[in-house]
Amino acid sequence: MILTLIPRARLDQTLDAFSRRLETGLARDVLARIRLTSPDRAAGATAEQHRREALSLAREFGIPIHPEGSSSGFNWDGAALDGGTEAYVILHEIAHFVLAPPERRGLVDFGLGPGPDTTDRAAAEAAAVISLAERDGEEAEASLLGIVWEAALGQPALASFLDQNWLEGLERSAAAHFTAVLRRLEAQGLLEPLERLSRRGE
């Protein structure tokens, strides 16, 4: 859900203002990569190609994927990934897998509580094992990591950046929040494969 709706005619101006508030070259460079992508979701054959690219990345990380046509109440049910969703959702779930410690990978929704697409919300709440503050921090990291991967693959990262409210609080904390989350990802070594992904997305 977009909390800060940016009129398309003002998007470049708004992103320019956001960029000026960023404190590091890394943050400005990552934003520039995101801005090279589309603010609109892919459709049709392009969306399917993006989904297959996302599933390929999941396999590189050794993430099990449910067979095509199977259904689950979760994007991640503690055993395998639902591969029938959109590419940006798959990339977000891969990010959660990478960020979660091994003991939480066996829990539905990684022990974070229900996500937006979770249908069995009671089971996801029962499996939650970390505090709300910790959930928020990890959700931010998974969101931004998934967006960074989308940008590296040439998928519509800007659409996810807008949908996932990275411009919320533009005049206050948005730029600092973006930079802080990016630094945490960098500290974990999660930004290192970007050039390899970029070459594959060309």
N, C-alpha and C. Protein backbone atom coordinates (compact mmCIF):
# COMPACT_ATOMS: atom_id res chain seq x y z
N MET A 1 0.84 -1.19 0.00
CA MET A 1 0.00 0.00 0.00
C MET A 1 0.88 1.24 0.00
N ILE A 2 0.62 2.17 -0.91
CA ILE A 2 1.37 3.41 -0.97
C ILE A 2 0.76 4.41 0.01
N LEU A 3 1.55 4.83 1.00
CA LEU A 3 1.07 5.82 1.96
C LEU A 3 1.33 7.24 1.47
N THR A 4 2.42 7.43 0.72
CA THR A 4 2.75 8.74 0.18
C THR A 4 2.59 8.68 -1.33
N LEU A 5 1.45 9.15 -1.82
CA LEU A 5 1.16 9.09 -3.24
C LEU A 5 1.83 10.26 -3.95
N ILE A 6 2.74 9.93 -4.88
CA ILE A 6 3.47 10.96 -5.62
C ILE A 6 2.88 11.07 -7.02
N PRO A 7 2.31 12.22 -7.38
CA PRO A 7 1.82 12.37 -8.76
C PRO A 7 2.96 12.13 -9.74
N ARG A 8 2.67 11.44 -10.84
CA ARG A 8 3.72 11.08 -11.79
C ARG A 8 4.47 12.32 -12.30
N ALA A 9 3.76 13.43 -12.48
CA ALA A 9 4.40 14.64 -12.98
C ALA A 9 5.42 15.21 -12.00
N ARG A 10 5.30 14.86 -10.72
CA ARG A 10 6.21 15.37 -9.70
C ARG A 10 7.23 14.34 -9.24
N LEU A 11 7.24 13.16 -9.87
CA LEU A 11 8.08 12.08 -9.37
C LEU A 11 9.57 12.44 -9.45
N ASP A 12 10.03 12.90 -10.60
CA ASP A 12 11.45 13.23 -10.74
C ASP A 12 11.86 14.32 -9.75
N GLN A 13 11.04 15.33 -9.62
CA GLN A 13 11.33 16.41 -8.69
C GLN A 13 11.42 15.88 -7.25
N THR A 14 10.50 14.99 -6.90
CA THR A 14 10.49 14.42 -5.55
C THR A 14 11.73 13.56 -5.30
N LEU A 15 12.09 12.75 -6.29
CA LEU A 15 13.28 11.91 -6.14
C LEU A 15 14.55 12.75 -6.10
N ASP A 16 14.58 13.85 -6.83
CA ASP A 16 15.73 14.77 -6.75
C ASP A 16 15.87 15.31 -5.33
N ALA A 17 14.75 15.69 -4.74
CA ALA A 17 14.78 16.23 -3.38
C ALA A 17 15.24 15.16 -2.39
N PHE A 18 14.77 13.93 -2.58
CA PHE A 18 15.19 12.83 -1.72
C PHE A 18 16.69 12.59 -1.86
N SER A 19 17.18 12.59 -3.09
CA SER A 19 18.61 12.36 -3.34
C SER A 19 19.47 13.40 -2.65
N ARG A 20 19.05 14.65 -2.68
CA ARG A 20 19.84 15.71 -2.06
C ARG A 20 19.98 15.53 -0.55
N ARG A 21 19.04 14.82 0.04
CA ARG A 21 19.07 14.60 1.49
C ARG A 21 19.93 13.40 1.88
N LEU A 22 20.34 12.59 0.92
CA LEU A 22 21.13 11.40 1.23
C LEU A 22 22.55 11.80 1.61
N GLU A 23 23.09 11.13 2.62
CA GLU A 23 24.35 11.56 3.21
C GLU A 23 25.57 10.84 2.63
N THR A 24 25.40 9.75 1.94
CA THR A 24 26.55 8.98 1.47
C THR A 24 26.50 8.75 -0.03
N GLY A 25 27.68 8.57 -0.60
CA GLY A 25 27.74 8.24 -2.02
C GLY A 25 27.07 6.93 -2.33
N LEU A 26 27.20 5.95 -1.42
CA LEU A 26 26.55 4.66 -1.64
C LEU A 26 25.06 4.82 -1.77
N ALA A 27 24.45 5.59 -0.86
CA ALA A 27 23.00 5.78 -0.90
C ALA A 27 22.58 6.47 -2.19
N ARG A 28 23.33 7.49 -2.60
CA ARG A 28 22.99 8.18 -3.85
C ARG A 28 23.15 7.26 -5.06
N ASP A 29 24.20 6.43 -5.04
CA ASP A 29 24.41 5.50 -6.16
C ASP A 29 23.29 4.47 -6.24
N VAL A 30 22.87 3.93 -5.09
CA VAL A 30 21.79 2.94 -5.09
C VAL A 30 20.49 3.57 -5.56
N LEU A 31 20.20 4.77 -5.09
CA LEU A 31 18.99 5.46 -5.55
C LEU A 31 19.05 5.68 -7.06
N ALA A 32 20.22 6.06 -7.56
CA ALA A 32 20.35 6.29 -9.01
C ALA A 32 20.05 5.01 -9.78
N ARG A 33 20.49 3.86 -9.28
CA ARG A 33 20.18 2.58 -9.94
C ARG A 33 18.67 2.32 -9.94
N ILE A 34 18.06 2.59 -8.80
CA ILE A 34 16.62 2.38 -8.69
C ILE A 34 15.88 3.27 -9.68
N ARG A 35 16.34 4.52 -9.82
CA ARG A 35 15.67 5.47 -10.70
C ARG A 35 15.79 5.12 -12.17
N LEU A 36 16.73 4.27 -12.52
CA LEU A 36 16.86 3.84 -13.91
C LEU A 36 15.77 2.85 -14.32
N THR A 37 15.03 2.34 -13.35
CA THR A 37 14.01 1.33 -13.63
C THR A 37 12.63 1.96 -13.71
N SER A 38 11.65 1.15 -14.06
CA SER A 38 10.29 1.65 -14.30
C SER A 38 9.52 1.84 -12.99
N PRO A 39 8.69 2.88 -12.91
CA PRO A 39 7.79 3.03 -11.77
C PRO A 39 6.52 2.19 -11.92
N ASP A 40 6.40 1.46 -13.02
CA ASP A 40 5.21 0.65 -13.28
C ASP A 40 5.54 -0.84 -13.22
N ARG A 41 4.64 -1.62 -12.67
CA ARG A 41 4.83 -3.07 -12.61
C ARG A 41 4.86 -3.66 -14.02
N ALA A 42 5.66 -4.68 -14.20
CA ALA A 42 5.69 -5.40 -15.47
C ALA A 42 4.41 -6.21 -15.62
N ALA A 43 4.09 -6.54 -16.87
CA ALA A 43 2.89 -7.34 -17.16
C ALA A 43 3.22 -8.34 -18.26
N GLY A 44 2.34 -9.33 -18.40
CA GLY A 44 2.44 -10.27 -19.51
C GLY A 44 3.73 -11.06 -19.53
N ALA A 45 4.29 -11.21 -20.72
CA ALA A 45 5.50 -12.02 -20.90
C ALA A 45 6.69 -11.44 -20.13
N THR A 46 6.75 -10.12 -20.02
CA THR A 46 7.85 -9.50 -19.28
C THR A 46 7.77 -9.86 -17.81
N ALA A 47 6.59 -9.81 -17.24
CA ALA A 47 6.42 -10.18 -15.83
C ALA A 47 6.80 -11.64 -15.60
N GLU A 48 6.45 -12.51 -16.54
CA GLU A 48 6.79 -13.92 -16.40
C GLU A 48 8.30 -14.13 -16.48
N GLN A 49 8.96 -13.40 -17.37
CA GLN A 49 10.42 -13.48 -17.45
C GLN A 49 11.06 -13.02 -16.15
N HIS A 50 10.54 -11.95 -15.57
CA HIS A 50 11.05 -11.46 -14.30
C HIS A 50 10.84 -12.49 -13.19
N ARG A 51 9.69 -13.15 -13.20
CA ARG A 51 9.42 -14.17 -12.19
C ARG A 51 10.44 -15.31 -12.30
N ARG A 52 10.74 -15.71 -13.51
CA ARG A 52 11.69 -16.81 -13.71
C ARG A 52 13.10 -16.39 -13.28
N GLU A 53 13.45 -15.13 -13.52
CA GLU A 53 14.74 -14.63 -13.05
C GLU A 53 14.81 -14.65 -11.53
N ALA A 54 13.72 -14.27 -10.88
CA ALA A 54 13.68 -14.29 -9.42
C ALA A 54 13.80 -15.70 -8.88
N LEU A 55 13.13 -16.65 -9.52
CA LEU A 55 13.23 -18.04 -9.09
C LEU A 55 14.64 -18.59 -9.30
N SER A 56 15.29 -18.15 -10.37
CA SER A 56 16.67 -18.56 -10.60
C SER A 56 17.57 -18.08 -9.47
N LEU A 57 17.35 -16.85 -9.02
CA LEU A 57 18.13 -16.32 -7.91
C LEU A 57 17.85 -17.12 -6.63
N ALA A 58 16.59 -17.48 -6.41
CA ALA A 58 16.25 -18.30 -5.24
C ALA A 58 17.03 -19.62 -5.26
N ARG A 59 17.11 -20.23 -6.42
CA ARG A 59 17.85 -21.50 -6.52
C ARG A 59 19.32 -21.29 -6.24
N GLU A 60 19.89 -20.16 -6.67
CA GLU A 60 21.29 -19.87 -6.39
C GLU A 60 21.56 -19.80 -4.89
N PHE A 61 20.58 -19.33 -4.14
CA PHE A 61 20.71 -19.28 -2.69
C PHE A 61 20.34 -20.61 -2.02
N GLY A 62 19.99 -21.61 -2.81
CA GLY A 62 19.63 -22.91 -2.26
C GLY A 62 18.28 -22.94 -1.58
N ILE A 63 17.38 -22.09 -2.00
CA ILE A 63 16.06 -22.00 -1.38
C ILE A 63 15.11 -22.97 -2.05
N PRO A 64 14.48 -23.88 -1.30
CA PRO A 64 13.50 -24.79 -1.90
C PRO A 64 12.29 -24.02 -2.42
N ILE A 65 11.73 -24.50 -3.52
CA ILE A 65 10.57 -23.86 -4.15
C ILE A 65 9.49 -24.90 -4.34
N HIS A 66 8.26 -24.57 -3.96
CA HIS A 66 7.14 -25.49 -4.17
C HIS A 66 6.94 -25.72 -5.66
N PRO A 67 6.50 -26.91 -6.06
CA PRO A 67 6.25 -27.18 -7.48
C PRO A 67 5.20 -26.23 -8.05
N GLU A 68 5.31 -25.96 -9.34
CA GLU A 68 4.33 -25.12 -10.02
C GLU A 68 2.92 -25.68 -9.81
N GLY A 69 1.99 -24.80 -9.52
CA GLY A 69 0.60 -25.21 -9.36
C GLY A 69 0.19 -25.54 -7.95
N SER A 70 1.16 -25.69 -7.04
CA SER A 70 0.82 -25.97 -5.65
C SER A 70 0.42 -24.66 -4.97
N SER A 71 -0.33 -24.78 -3.88
CA SER A 71 -0.80 -23.57 -3.19
C SER A 71 -0.44 -23.66 -1.71
N SER A 72 -0.29 -22.51 -1.09
CA SER A 72 0.06 -22.43 0.32
C SER A 72 -0.55 -21.17 0.89
N GLY A 73 -0.75 -21.17 2.20
CA GLY A 73 -1.26 -19.98 2.86
C GLY A 73 -0.18 -18.96 3.15
N PHE A 74 1.04 -19.26 2.70
CA PHE A 74 2.19 -18.40 3.02
C PHE A 74 3.09 -18.27 1.80
N ASN A 75 3.78 -17.13 1.69
CA ASN A 75 4.83 -17.03 0.68
C ASN A 75 6.01 -17.91 1.06
N TRP A 76 6.24 -18.08 2.37
CA TRP A 76 7.25 -19.01 2.89
C TRP A 76 6.60 -19.79 4.03
N ASP A 77 6.46 -21.10 3.86
CA ASP A 77 5.75 -21.90 4.85
C ASP A 77 6.66 -22.65 5.81
N GLY A 78 7.92 -22.26 5.84
CA GLY A 78 8.88 -22.91 6.71
C GLY A 78 9.63 -24.04 6.03
N ALA A 79 9.19 -24.39 4.83
CA ALA A 79 9.85 -25.48 4.09
C ALA A 79 10.24 -25.09 2.69
N ALA A 80 9.41 -24.29 2.03
CA ALA A 80 9.68 -23.92 0.63
C ALA A 80 8.96 -22.63 0.29
N LEU A 81 9.42 -22.04 -0.81
CA LEU A 81 8.91 -20.76 -1.30
C LEU A 81 7.75 -20.99 -2.25
N ASP A 82 6.75 -20.12 -2.17
CA ASP A 82 5.67 -20.12 -3.16
C ASP A 82 6.20 -19.40 -4.40
N GLY A 83 6.45 -20.17 -5.45
CA GLY A 83 7.03 -19.60 -6.66
C GLY A 83 6.02 -19.05 -7.63
N GLY A 84 4.74 -19.08 -7.28
CA GLY A 84 3.71 -18.63 -8.20
C GLY A 84 3.34 -17.17 -8.06
N THR A 85 4.06 -16.43 -7.23
CA THR A 85 3.75 -15.02 -7.02
C THR A 85 4.60 -14.15 -7.95
N GLU A 86 4.44 -12.84 -7.83
CA GLU A 86 5.16 -11.91 -8.69
C GLU A 86 6.65 -11.88 -8.34
N ALA A 87 7.46 -11.46 -9.29
CA ALA A 87 8.91 -11.44 -9.11
C ALA A 87 9.31 -10.62 -7.89
N TYR A 88 8.70 -9.45 -7.70
CA TYR A 88 9.12 -8.60 -6.59
C TYR A 88 8.80 -9.24 -5.25
N VAL A 89 7.73 -10.03 -5.19
CA VAL A 89 7.38 -10.74 -3.96
C VAL A 89 8.41 -11.85 -3.70
N ILE A 90 8.78 -12.57 -4.74
CA ILE A 90 9.77 -13.63 -4.61
C ILE A 90 11.11 -13.05 -4.14
N LEU A 91 11.54 -11.95 -4.73
CA LEU A 91 12.80 -11.34 -4.33
C LEU A 91 12.75 -10.87 -2.88
N HIS A 92 11.61 -10.36 -2.46
CA HIS A 92 11.44 -9.94 -1.06
C HIS A 92 11.58 -11.14 -0.13
N GLU A 93 10.99 -12.28 -0.51
CA GLU A 93 11.07 -13.48 0.33
C GLU A 93 12.48 -14.05 0.34
N ILE A 94 13.19 -13.97 -0.79
CA ILE A 94 14.60 -14.39 -0.80
C ILE A 94 15.38 -13.55 0.20
N ALA A 95 15.12 -12.24 0.20
CA ALA A 95 15.80 -11.36 1.14
C ALA A 95 15.53 -11.77 2.57
N HIS A 96 14.28 -12.11 2.88
CA HIS A 96 13.96 -12.58 4.23
C HIS A 96 14.73 -13.85 4.56
N PHE A 97 14.82 -14.77 3.61
CA PHE A 97 15.56 -16.02 3.83
C PHE A 97 17.01 -15.73 4.15
N VAL A 98 17.62 -14.84 3.40
CA VAL A 98 19.02 -14.49 3.60
C VAL A 98 19.24 -13.82 4.95
N LEU A 99 18.30 -12.98 5.36
CA LEU A 99 18.44 -12.23 6.61
C LEU A 99 18.11 -13.07 7.84
N ALA A 100 17.26 -14.06 7.70
CA ALA A 100 16.82 -14.84 8.86
C ALA A 100 17.91 -15.80 9.31
N PRO A 101 18.13 -15.92 10.62
CA PRO A 101 19.06 -16.95 11.10
C PRO A 101 18.48 -18.34 10.83
N PRO A 102 19.33 -19.36 10.78
CA PRO A 102 18.86 -20.72 10.42
C PRO A 102 17.68 -21.21 11.25
N GLU A 103 17.64 -20.86 12.54
CA GLU A 103 16.56 -21.37 13.38
C GLU A 103 15.21 -20.77 13.02
N ARG A 104 15.17 -19.64 12.33
CA ARG A 104 13.89 -19.06 11.93
C ARG A 104 13.48 -19.43 10.52
N ARG A 105 14.38 -20.04 9.76
CA ARG A 105 14.02 -20.43 8.40
C ARG A 105 13.02 -21.59 8.37
N GLY A 106 12.90 -22.30 9.47
CA GLY A 106 11.94 -23.39 9.55
C GLY A 106 10.57 -22.95 10.05
N LEU A 107 10.37 -21.64 10.22
CA LEU A 107 9.09 -21.12 10.70
C LEU A 107 8.33 -20.45 9.57
N VAL A 108 7.00 -20.53 9.61
CA VAL A 108 6.21 -19.84 8.60
C VAL A 108 6.48 -18.35 8.68
N ASP A 109 6.58 -17.71 7.52
CA ASP A 109 6.87 -16.27 7.44
C ASP A 109 8.10 -15.90 8.26
N PHE A 110 9.04 -16.84 8.39
CA PHE A 110 10.32 -16.63 9.06
C PHE A 110 10.17 -16.16 10.51
N GLY A 111 9.04 -16.50 11.13
CA GLY A 111 8.83 -16.13 12.52
C GLY A 111 8.59 -14.65 12.74
N LEU A 112 8.24 -13.94 11.66
CA LEU A 112 8.02 -12.49 11.74
C LEU A 112 6.57 -12.10 11.94
N GLY A 113 5.67 -13.08 11.90
CA GLY A 113 4.25 -12.75 11.88
C GLY A 113 3.75 -12.65 10.46
N PRO A 114 2.44 -12.52 10.26
CA PRO A 114 1.87 -12.55 8.92
C PRO A 114 2.31 -11.40 8.04
N GLY A 115 2.58 -11.71 6.76
CA GLY A 115 2.85 -10.69 5.77
C GLY A 115 1.59 -10.29 5.05
N PRO A 116 1.68 -9.37 4.11
CA PRO A 116 0.49 -8.88 3.40
C PRO A 116 -0.26 -9.97 2.65
N ASP A 117 0.44 -11.00 2.15
CA ASP A 117 -0.20 -12.04 1.35
C ASP A 117 -0.56 -13.28 2.16
N THR A 118 -0.24 -13.29 3.45
CA THR A 118 -0.52 -14.47 4.28
C THR A 118 -2.01 -14.65 4.46
N THR A 119 -2.50 -15.85 4.15
CA THR A 119 -3.93 -16.13 4.34
C THR A 119 -4.19 -16.79 5.68
N ASP A 120 -3.27 -17.63 6.17
CA ASP A 120 -3.43 -18.25 7.48
C ASP A 120 -2.74 -17.37 8.51
N ARG A 121 -3.37 -16.27 8.81
CA ARG A 121 -2.75 -15.26 9.67
C ARG A 121 -2.60 -15.75 11.11
N ALA A 122 -3.52 -16.57 11.58
CA ALA A 122 -3.43 -17.07 12.95
C ALA A 122 -2.18 -17.93 13.12
N ALA A 123 -1.92 -18.78 12.14
CA ALA A 123 -0.73 -19.64 12.22
C ALA A 123 0.54 -18.81 12.18
N ALA A 124 0.56 -17.77 11.34
CA ALA A 124 1.74 -16.92 11.25
C ALA A 124 1.96 -16.14 12.55
N GLU A 125 0.89 -15.66 13.16
CA GLU A 125 1.03 -14.96 14.44
C GLU A 125 1.54 -15.90 15.51
N ALA A 126 1.04 -17.13 15.51
CA ALA A 126 1.48 -18.11 16.51
C ALA A 126 2.95 -18.45 16.35
N ALA A 127 3.46 -18.35 15.12
CA ALA A 127 4.86 -18.70 14.85
C ALA A 127 5.81 -17.53 15.09
N ALA A 128 5.27 -16.33 15.34
CA ALA A 128 6.12 -15.14 15.50
C ALA A 128 6.97 -15.28 16.77
N VAL A 129 8.26 -15.01 16.64
CA VAL A 129 9.18 -15.22 17.77
C VAL A 129 10.03 -13.98 18.08
N ILE A 130 9.85 -12.88 17.34
CA ILE A 130 10.64 -11.69 17.64
C ILE A 130 9.71 -10.51 17.89
N SER A 131 10.25 -9.48 18.50
CA SER A 131 9.44 -8.33 18.89
C SER A 131 9.00 -7.54 17.67
N LEU A 132 8.01 -6.67 17.89
CA LEU A 132 7.53 -5.82 16.80
C LEU A 132 8.63 -4.89 16.28
N ALA A 133 9.45 -4.38 17.18
CA ALA A 133 10.54 -3.50 16.75
C ALA A 133 11.55 -4.26 15.88
N GLU A 134 11.87 -5.49 16.28
CA GLU A 134 12.79 -6.31 15.49
C GLU A 134 12.17 -6.66 14.14
N ARG A 135 10.87 -6.95 14.15
CA ARG A 135 10.18 -7.24 12.88
C ARG A 135 10.29 -6.05 11.93
N ASP A 136 10.02 -4.86 12.47
CA ASP A 136 10.06 -3.66 11.62
C ASP A 136 11.44 -3.47 11.01
N GLY A 137 12.48 -3.68 11.81
CA GLY A 137 13.83 -3.52 11.30
C GLY A 137 14.16 -4.52 10.21
N GLU A 138 13.78 -5.77 10.43
CA GLU A 138 14.07 -6.79 9.42
C GLU A 138 13.22 -6.61 8.18
N GLU A 139 11.98 -6.18 8.35
CA GLU A 139 11.14 -5.92 7.18
C GLU A 139 11.74 -4.81 6.32
N ALA A 140 12.27 -3.78 6.95
CA ALA A 140 12.89 -2.70 6.19
C ALA A 140 14.10 -3.21 5.41
N GLU A 141 14.90 -4.05 6.06
CA GLU A 141 16.08 -4.60 5.38
C GLU A 141 15.67 -5.49 4.21
N ALA A 142 14.67 -6.34 4.42
CA ALA A 142 14.22 -7.22 3.34
C ALA A 142 13.61 -6.42 2.20
N SER A 143 12.87 -5.38 2.54
CA SER A 143 12.27 -4.54 1.51
C SER A 143 13.35 -3.91 0.64
N LEU A 144 14.33 -3.27 1.28
CA LEU A 144 15.34 -2.56 0.51
C LEU A 144 16.26 -3.53 -0.24
N LEU A 145 16.60 -4.66 0.37
CA LEU A 145 17.44 -5.63 -0.33
C LEU A 145 16.74 -6.17 -1.56
N GLY A 146 15.44 -6.48 -1.44
CA GLY A 146 14.69 -6.93 -2.61
C GLY A 146 14.65 -5.88 -3.71
N ILE A 147 14.50 -4.62 -3.32
CA ILE A 147 14.47 -3.52 -4.30
C ILE A 147 15.83 -3.37 -4.98
N VAL A 148 16.90 -3.48 -4.20
CA VAL A 148 18.26 -3.40 -4.76
C VAL A 148 18.47 -4.50 -5.79
N TRP A 149 18.01 -5.72 -5.47
CA TRP A 149 18.12 -6.83 -6.41
C TRP A 149 17.29 -6.58 -7.66
N GLU A 150 16.08 -6.05 -7.48
CA GLU A 150 15.26 -5.71 -8.65
C GLU A 150 16.00 -4.75 -9.57
N ALA A 151 16.61 -3.72 -8.98
CA ALA A 151 17.34 -2.74 -9.79
C ALA A 151 18.51 -3.39 -10.51
N ALA A 152 19.23 -4.26 -9.82
CA ALA A 152 20.38 -4.93 -10.43
C ALA A 152 19.96 -5.82 -11.59
N LEU A 153 18.77 -6.39 -11.49
CA LEU A 153 18.27 -7.27 -12.55
C LEU A 153 17.54 -6.51 -13.65
N GLY A 154 17.41 -5.19 -13.50
CA GLY A 154 16.69 -4.41 -14.49
C GLY A 154 15.19 -4.55 -14.40
N GLN A 155 14.69 -5.01 -13.27
CA GLN A 155 13.25 -5.12 -13.04
C GLN A 155 12.74 -3.82 -12.42
N PRO A 156 11.40 -3.61 -12.36
CA PRO A 156 10.88 -2.31 -11.94
C PRO A 156 11.04 -2.02 -10.45
N ALA A 157 12.28 -1.79 -10.04
CA ALA A 157 12.58 -1.50 -8.65
C ALA A 157 11.92 -0.21 -8.17
N LEU A 158 11.80 0.77 -9.06
CA LEU A 158 11.19 2.03 -8.66
C LEU A 158 9.73 1.83 -8.25
N ALA A 159 9.04 0.92 -8.93
CA ALA A 159 7.66 0.62 -8.54
C ALA A 159 7.62 0.09 -7.11
N SER A 160 8.54 -0.81 -6.76
CA SER A 160 8.58 -1.34 -5.39
C SER A 160 9.00 -0.28 -4.40
N PHE A 161 9.95 0.56 -4.77
CA PHE A 161 10.40 1.65 -3.91
C PHE A 161 9.23 2.55 -3.52
N LEU A 162 8.37 2.84 -4.49
CA LEU A 162 7.19 3.68 -4.21
C LEU A 162 6.14 2.91 -3.44
N ASP A 163 5.86 1.67 -3.87
CA ASP A 163 4.83 0.87 -3.20
C ASP A 163 5.15 0.61 -1.74
N GLN A 164 6.44 0.44 -1.45
CA GLN A 164 6.86 0.07 -0.10
C GLN A 164 7.25 1.28 0.75
N ASN A 165 6.84 2.45 0.27
CA ASN A 165 6.80 3.67 1.09
C ASN A 165 8.16 4.19 1.54
N TRP A 166 9.18 4.06 0.68
CA TRP A 166 10.48 4.60 1.06
C TRP A 166 10.52 6.13 1.00
N LEU A 167 9.50 6.76 0.45
CA LEU A 167 9.43 8.22 0.46
C LEU A 167 8.54 8.76 1.57
N GLU A 168 8.01 7.88 2.40
CA GLU A 168 7.19 8.32 3.53
C GLU A 168 8.06 9.15 4.48
N GLY A 169 7.58 10.31 4.86
CA GLY A 169 8.36 11.20 5.72
C GLY A 169 9.50 11.87 4.98
N LEU A 170 9.24 12.24 3.73
CA LEU A 170 10.27 12.81 2.87
C LEU A 170 10.95 14.02 3.51
N GLU A 171 10.19 14.86 4.18
CA GLU A 171 10.75 16.08 4.77
C GLU A 171 11.37 15.83 6.14
N ARG A 172 11.27 14.59 6.63
CA ARG A 172 11.78 14.33 7.98
C ARG A 172 12.85 13.23 7.95
N SER A 173 12.42 11.98 8.01
CA SER A 173 13.36 10.89 8.28
C SER A 173 13.60 9.94 7.12
N ALA A 174 12.95 10.14 5.98
CA ALA A 174 13.02 9.15 4.90
C ALA A 174 14.44 8.90 4.42
N ALA A 175 15.18 9.96 4.16
CA ALA A 175 16.54 9.80 3.64
C ALA A 175 17.46 9.15 4.66
N ALA A 176 17.35 9.56 5.91
CA ALA A 176 18.19 8.97 6.96
C ALA A 176 17.85 7.50 7.16
N HIS A 177 16.57 7.16 7.07
CA HIS A 177 16.15 5.77 7.23
C HIS A 177 16.70 4.92 6.08
N PHE A 178 16.57 5.40 4.85
CA PHE A 178 17.09 4.70 3.69
C PHE A 178 18.59 4.45 3.84
N THR A 179 19.33 5.48 4.24
CA THR A 179 20.77 5.36 4.39
C THR A 179 21.14 4.37 5.49
N ALA A 180 20.43 4.44 6.62
CA ALA A 180 20.74 3.56 7.74
C ALA A 180 20.50 2.09 7.39
N VAL A 181 19.39 1.82 6.71
CA VAL A 181 19.10 0.44 6.32
C VAL A 181 20.13 -0.06 5.31
N LEU A 182 20.48 0.80 4.37
CA LEU A 182 21.49 0.44 3.38
C LEU A 182 22.82 0.13 4.04
N ARG A 183 23.20 0.89 5.04
CA ARG A 183 24.45 0.64 5.76
C ARG A 183 24.41 -0.71 6.47
N ARG A 184 23.25 -1.06 7.03
CA ARG A 184 23.15 -2.36 7.70
C ARG A 184 23.32 -3.49 6.70
N LEU A 185 22.74 -3.34 5.52
CA LEU A 185 22.91 -4.36 4.49
C LEU A 185 24.36 -4.46 4.04
N GLU A 186 25.00 -3.30 3.89
CA GLU A 186 26.41 -3.29 3.49
C GLU A 186 27.26 -3.97 4.55
N ALA A 187 26.99 -3.70 5.82
CA ALA A 187 27.77 -4.29 6.92
C ALA A 187 27.66 -5.81 6.94
N GLN A 188 26.52 -6.33 6.46
CA GLN A 188 26.32 -7.78 6.40
C GLN A 188 26.86 -8.41 5.12
N GLY A 189 27.46 -7.59 4.26
CA GLY A 189 28.02 -8.10 3.02
C GLY A 189 26.99 -8.45 1.98
N LEU A 190 25.78 -7.91 2.10
CA LEU A 190 24.68 -8.31 1.21
C LEU A 190 24.62 -7.49 -0.07
N LEU A 191 25.45 -6.47 -0.19
CA LEU A 191 25.46 -5.67 -1.41
C LEU A 191 26.58 -6.09 -2.36
N GLU A 192 27.41 -7.02 -1.94
CA GLU A 192 28.58 -7.40 -2.74
C GLU A 192 28.26 -8.04 -4.08
N PRO A 193 27.18 -8.86 -4.21
CA PRO A 193 26.95 -9.52 -5.51
C PRO A 193 26.28 -8.65 -6.55
N LEU A 194 26.15 -7.34 -6.32
CA LEU A 194 25.35 -6.50 -7.21
C LEU A 194 25.88 -6.47 -8.63
N GLU A 195 27.19 -6.40 -8.80
CA GLU A 195 27.72 -6.33 -10.15
C GLU A 195 27.42 -7.61 -10.94
N ARG A 196 27.50 -8.75 -10.25
CA ARG A 196 27.17 -10.02 -10.93
C ARG A 196 25.71 -10.03 -11.36
N LEU A 197 24.82 -9.57 -10.48
CA LEU A 197 23.40 -9.51 -10.82
C LEU A 197 23.16 -8.53 -11.95
N SER A 198 23.85 -7.40 -11.92
CA SER A 198 23.67 -6.39 -12.96
C SER A 198 24.05 -6.96 -14.33
N ARG A 199 25.13 -7.71 -14.38
CA ARG A 199 25.53 -8.30 -15.66
C ARG A 199 24.49 -9.29 -16.16
N ARG A 200 23.87 -10.02 -15.24
CA ARG A 200 22.86 -10.99 -15.67
C ARG A 200 21.59 -10.29 -16.14
N GLY A 201 21.29 -9.11 -15.57
CA GLY A 201 20.08 -8.40 -15.94
C GLY A 201 20.19 -7.60 -17.22
N GLU A 202 21.40 -7.54 -17.82
CA GLU A 202 21.58 -6.76 -19.04
C GLU A 202 20.95 -7.45 -20.25
